[in-house]
Amino acid sequence: MTTVSTSNLAGGEPVPTSDVVGTDFGLPLVRPIRSRAVGRVRTVRSPCRAHGGVVVWFTDGTKTPPLHGRTSWILAEPDVGAHARAPVMA
């Protein structure tokens, strides 16, 4: 199991998150979780420094509330079969 802090989180990394726990100006909020079995895997778009901490934005339009930079994330395994299942346009 590989973990990385919020400060070192890079775009494109898949991480498990909770289901939506609230909203912030209409944007759904999620939180990091400690188990791969619970929640949903989301892909990081970008972490941004904000007043009160670091906000992590995801490619599906969700984000986290401001987090401490040392908050740890579990890196999820990439879906290797995703490209094999994609339809091929001829």
Protein backbone atom coordinates (compact mmCIF):
# COMPACT_ATOMS: atom_id res chain seq x y z
CA MET A 1 0.00 0.00 0.00
CA THR A 2 1.51 3.29 -1.12
CA THR A 3 0.58 6.51 0.64
CA VAL A 4 1.39 10.10 -0.27
CA SER A 5 0.77 13.37 1.56
CA THR A 6 -1.57 16.02 0.19
CA SER A 7 1.44 18.30 -0.40
CA ASN A 8 3.04 15.68 -2.68
CA LEU A 9 -0.12 14.56 -4.49
CA ALA A 10 0.18 14.97 -8.27
CA GLY A 11 -2.42 15.28 -11.01
CA GLY A 12 -3.50 12.02 -12.64
CA GLU A 13 -3.10 9.86 -9.52
CA PRO A 14 -6.08 7.64 -8.61
CA VAL A 15 -7.07 7.86 -4.92
CA PRO A 16 -9.98 6.39 -2.94
CA THR A 17 -12.39 8.98 -1.54
CA SER A 18 -15.61 8.99 0.43
CA ASP A 19 -18.98 9.47 -1.16
CA VAL A 20 -20.20 13.08 -1.30
CA VAL A 21 -20.30 14.50 2.25
CA GLY A 22 -21.64 17.99 1.49
CA THR A 23 -21.39 20.92 -0.89
CA ASP A 24 -19.38 24.12 -1.12
CA PHE A 25 -21.03 26.75 -3.35
CA GLY A 26 -22.78 23.93 -5.20
CA LEU A 27 -19.64 21.79 -5.70
CA PRO A 28 -19.73 18.31 -4.13
CA LEU A 29 -17.22 17.74 -1.31
CA VAL A 30 -15.43 14.44 -0.66
CA ARG A 31 -12.80 13.36 1.87
CA PRO A 32 -9.85 10.94 1.75
CA ILE A 33 -10.54 7.48 3.16
CA ARG A 34 -8.25 4.91 4.69
CA SER A 35 -9.60 1.78 2.97
CA ARG A 36 -9.72 0.87 -0.71
CA ALA A 37 -12.83 -1.25 -0.17
CA VAL A 38 -15.08 1.66 0.84
CA GLY A 39 -15.97 4.73 -1.20
CA ARG A 40 -14.97 5.52 -4.75
CA VAL A 41 -11.72 5.91 -6.66
CA ARG A 42 -11.31 9.37 -8.19
CA THR A 43 -8.53 10.82 -10.33
CA VAL A 44 -6.75 13.92 -9.05
CA ARG A 45 -6.95 16.90 -11.37
CA SER A 46 -4.83 19.23 -9.24
CA PRO A 47 -4.09 20.11 -5.64
CA CYS A 48 -4.28 23.86 -4.95
CA ARG A 49 -3.06 25.84 -1.99
CA ALA A 50 -5.97 27.72 -0.43
CA HIS A 51 -6.70 29.76 2.67
CA GLY A 52 -6.83 27.22 5.47
CA GLY A 53 -5.00 24.36 3.71
CA VAL A 54 -4.78 22.48 0.43
CA VAL A 55 -7.87 21.78 -1.71
CA VAL A 56 -7.68 18.74 -4.00
CA TRP A 57 -9.75 18.95 -7.19
CA PHE A 58 -10.83 15.78 -9.02
CA THR A 59 -11.60 15.20 -12.71
CA ASP A 60 -15.28 14.42 -11.99
CA GLY A 61 -15.92 17.95 -10.60
CA THR A 62 -15.65 17.10 -6.91
CA LYS A 63 -13.20 18.61 -4.45
CA THR A 64 -12.08 18.33 -0.84
CA PRO A 65 -12.49 20.92 1.86
CA PRO A 66 -9.18 22.57 2.82
CA LEU A 67 -6.90 19.84 4.21
CA HIS A 68 -3.65 19.90 6.14
CA GLY A 69 -0.70 19.29 3.80
CA ARG A 70 0.32 16.19 5.78
CA THR A 71 -3.03 14.44 5.32
CA SER A 72 -2.18 11.10 3.72
CA TRP A 73 -3.84 9.49 0.70
CA ILE A 74 -3.73 5.85 -0.34
CA LEU A 75 -2.84 5.46 -4.01
CA ALA A 76 -5.27 3.15 -5.80
CA GLU A 77 -4.15 0.64 -8.38
CA PRO A 78 -4.69 1.92 -11.94
CA ASP A 79 -7.34 0.07 -13.94
CA VAL A 80 -5.11 -1.80 -16.41
CA GLY A 81 -8.03 -3.37 -18.27
CA ALA A 82 -9.70 -0.03 -19.04
CA HIS A 83 -7.96 0.35 -22.40
CA ALA A 84 -8.75 -3.24 -23.43
CA ARG A 85 -12.48 -2.73 -22.81
CA ALA A 86 -12.73 0.54 -24.72
CA PRO A 87 -14.54 0.18 -28.06
CA VAL A 88 -12.38 0.60 -31.14
CA MET A 89 -13.76 2.86 -33.85
CA ALA A 90 -13.02 1.47 -37.31
